[in-house]
Structure formats: C-alpha cells, structure tokens
Amino acid sequence: SSGINAEYGGPQQETMVTAPKVKRTFCAGKKCKKHTVHKVTQYKTGKASLYAQGKRRYDRKQQGYGGQTKPVFHKKAKTTKKIVLRLECSECKYKSHAALARAKHFELVDAGSGKLKKKN
C-alpha cells in the first residue's frame, strides 16, 4: 500500500529535531530592533482560564438538560504537533515565538556540544 499518504510522513518525521539553547536573532522589541542573543525554550500552552468568554458561553450552554450542545472533535488525523520555540531577548526580555517543523522527538542542546552535528 504505497499510496500518497504512506510517502508523506516519511523519513523527515522520524529524525530528532534539535535547537540550540541560545540563539542570536532579530529582536522586535521596542527597545532593541536589532540582532541580540535570545534564550530558547519550548513553548507550552498555558492553563485555560475559566473566565474566558468562550468558556463562559460554553458552560452556560451546557447547563440543564439537553446533553452535549456543541460538536466534540473525534477525527484526529495528526500524530505530531509543530514544535514552537519561545525566544526571550537577553537585553530587553521581549518574548517571541518561532515555529519549527513537525516532529515526534525534540531536544534543546548546548551550541558548544557536538550533539548538533551528530546524525542518528
């Protein structure tokens, strides 16, 4: 069964994606507007607020009898998520995001170590 979908998620997804812990890149903060050293971490979604407008509306709609009122998504097709880096400027502390490719394995490495050049 070598269809289009079989070839799509091929060798590029199986490799480990690495990113340096520090990166020199452009800072869009009002104070900087130049290339500076950024601290790199992996972005993680924050805890959903109970008081966000959509959540309040959903909870109100769900009250009482009548069962589930909005569609629940079941047809999940993706097996990976895109890796998002959170870049923090070392000079002005401005934070920005940068998206990478989809990958199952992700690792932050020190730029000095030889791990960046190592192939699996």
Protein backbone atom coordinates (compact mmCIF):
# COMPACT_ATOMS: atom_id res chain seq x y z
CA SER A 1 0.00 0.00 0.00
CA SER A 2 2.39 2.68 -1.23
CA GLY A 3 -0.14 5.49 -1.62
CA ILE A 4 0.37 9.20 -1.36
CA ASN A 5 -0.19 9.22 2.40
CA ALA A 6 2.38 6.48 3.03
CA GLU A 7 5.13 8.60 1.49
CA TYR A 8 4.05 11.88 3.08
CA GLY A 9 5.13 11.32 6.67
CA GLY A 10 8.34 9.55 5.68
CA PRO A 11 11.91 10.00 6.81
CA GLN A 12 11.67 13.70 7.67
CA GLN A 13 9.37 12.98 10.65
CA GLU A 14 11.43 10.19 12.16
CA THR A 15 14.53 12.31 12.75
CA MET A 16 15.16 14.07 16.04
CA VAL A 17 14.84 17.84 15.81
CA THR A 18 17.36 19.81 17.87
CA ALA A 19 17.58 23.51 18.66
CA PRO A 20 20.30 25.49 20.44
CA LYS A 21 19.59 26.82 23.95
CA VAL A 22 20.86 30.25 22.93
CA LYS A 23 20.40 31.84 19.51
CA ARG A 24 21.44 35.17 18.03
CA THR A 25 18.44 36.51 16.13
CA PHE A 26 16.46 39.71 15.49
CA CYS A 27 14.60 41.21 18.46
CA ALA A 28 11.39 43.06 17.52
CA GLY A 29 11.05 44.70 20.95
CA LYS A 30 10.63 48.48 21.08
CA LYS A 31 13.95 48.95 22.90
CA CYS A 32 16.10 46.71 20.68
CA LYS A 33 15.08 46.45 16.98
CA LYS A 34 18.37 44.66 16.27
CA HIS A 35 20.01 41.23 16.43
CA THR A 36 20.61 40.12 20.02
CA VAL A 37 21.23 36.88 21.91
CA HIS A 38 17.98 35.05 22.77
CA LYS A 39 17.33 32.31 25.32
CA VAL A 40 15.41 29.46 23.67
CA THR A 41 12.78 27.31 25.43
CA GLN A 42 9.97 25.12 24.15
CA TYR A 43 6.56 26.84 24.14
CA LYS A 44 3.92 25.19 26.29
CA THR A 45 0.22 26.10 26.24
CA GLY A 46 -0.92 27.75 29.46
CA LYS A 47 -3.81 26.57 31.63
CA ALA A 48 -7.18 27.51 30.09
CA SER A 49 -9.00 30.22 32.06
CA LEU A 50 -12.50 29.53 33.39
CA TYR A 51 -13.37 33.18 32.81
CA ALA A 52 -12.56 33.43 29.09
CA GLN A 53 -15.64 34.50 27.07
CA GLY A 54 -15.83 31.25 25.07
CA LYS A 55 -15.59 29.07 28.19
CA ARG A 56 -18.30 31.08 30.00
CA ARG A 57 -20.60 30.84 26.97
CA TYR A 58 -19.93 27.08 26.61
CA ASP A 59 -20.57 26.37 30.32
CA ARG A 60 -23.82 28.37 30.22
CA LYS A 61 -24.99 26.48 27.14
CA GLN A 62 -24.15 23.10 28.71
CA GLN A 63 -26.26 23.74 31.84
CA GLY A 64 -29.50 21.84 32.40
CA TYR A 65 -30.92 19.02 30.31
CA GLY A 66 -30.21 18.51 26.63
CA GLY A 67 -26.89 16.69 26.57
CA GLN A 68 -23.82 17.81 24.64
CA THR A 69 -24.64 21.05 22.84
CA LYS A 70 -21.54 21.61 20.71
CA PRO A 71 -19.64 19.22 18.43
CA VAL A 72 -16.88 17.13 20.02
CA PHE A 73 -13.98 16.57 17.61
CA HIS A 74 -13.12 12.87 17.12
CA LYS A 75 -11.47 12.63 13.67
CA LYS A 76 -7.92 13.32 14.83
CA ALA A 77 -5.57 12.86 11.89
CA LYS A 78 -2.22 14.26 13.06
CA THR A 79 0.20 12.22 15.14
CA THR A 80 2.59 15.10 15.86
CA LYS A 81 2.44 18.76 16.78
CA LYS A 82 4.54 21.55 15.35
CA ILE A 83 7.38 22.50 17.66
CA VAL A 84 7.20 26.13 18.75
CA LEU A 85 10.23 27.86 20.21
CA ARG A 86 9.85 30.67 22.74
CA LEU A 87 12.65 33.19 22.24
CA GLU A 88 13.49 35.61 25.06
CA CYS A 89 15.79 38.55 24.36
CA SER A 90 18.64 38.70 26.89
CA GLU A 91 18.77 42.52 26.71
CA CYS A 92 15.12 43.68 26.90
CA LYS A 93 13.34 40.40 27.90
CA TYR A 94 11.00 40.67 24.84
CA LYS A 95 9.46 37.27 24.08
CA SER A 96 8.57 35.97 20.61
CA HIS A 97 7.65 32.63 19.06
CA ALA A 98 9.18 30.72 16.15
CA ALA A 99 7.57 27.58 14.70
CA LEU A 100 9.63 24.60 13.52
CA ALA A 101 8.68 21.51 11.53
CA ARG A 102 6.55 18.67 12.88
CA ALA A 103 8.50 16.08 14.82
CA LYS A 104 7.93 13.32 17.35
CA HIS A 105 11.22 13.97 19.18
CA PHE A 106 12.62 17.39 20.08
CA GLU A 107 15.65 18.37 22.12
CA LEU A 108 17.30 21.61 23.20
CA VAL A 109 21.10 21.29 23.03
CA ASP A 110 24.06 23.43 24.05
CA ALA A 111 25.57 25.07 20.98
CA GLY A 112 29.09 24.07 22.07
CA SER A 113 28.36 20.32 22.29
CA GLY A 114 28.86 18.05 19.29
CA LYS A 115 25.26 16.81 19.55
CA LEU A 116 24.12 19.36 16.97
CA LYS A 117 26.22 17.74 14.24
CA LYS A 118 25.51 14.12 15.24
CA LYS A 119 23.30 12.09 12.87
CA ASN A 120 21.18 9.15 14.06
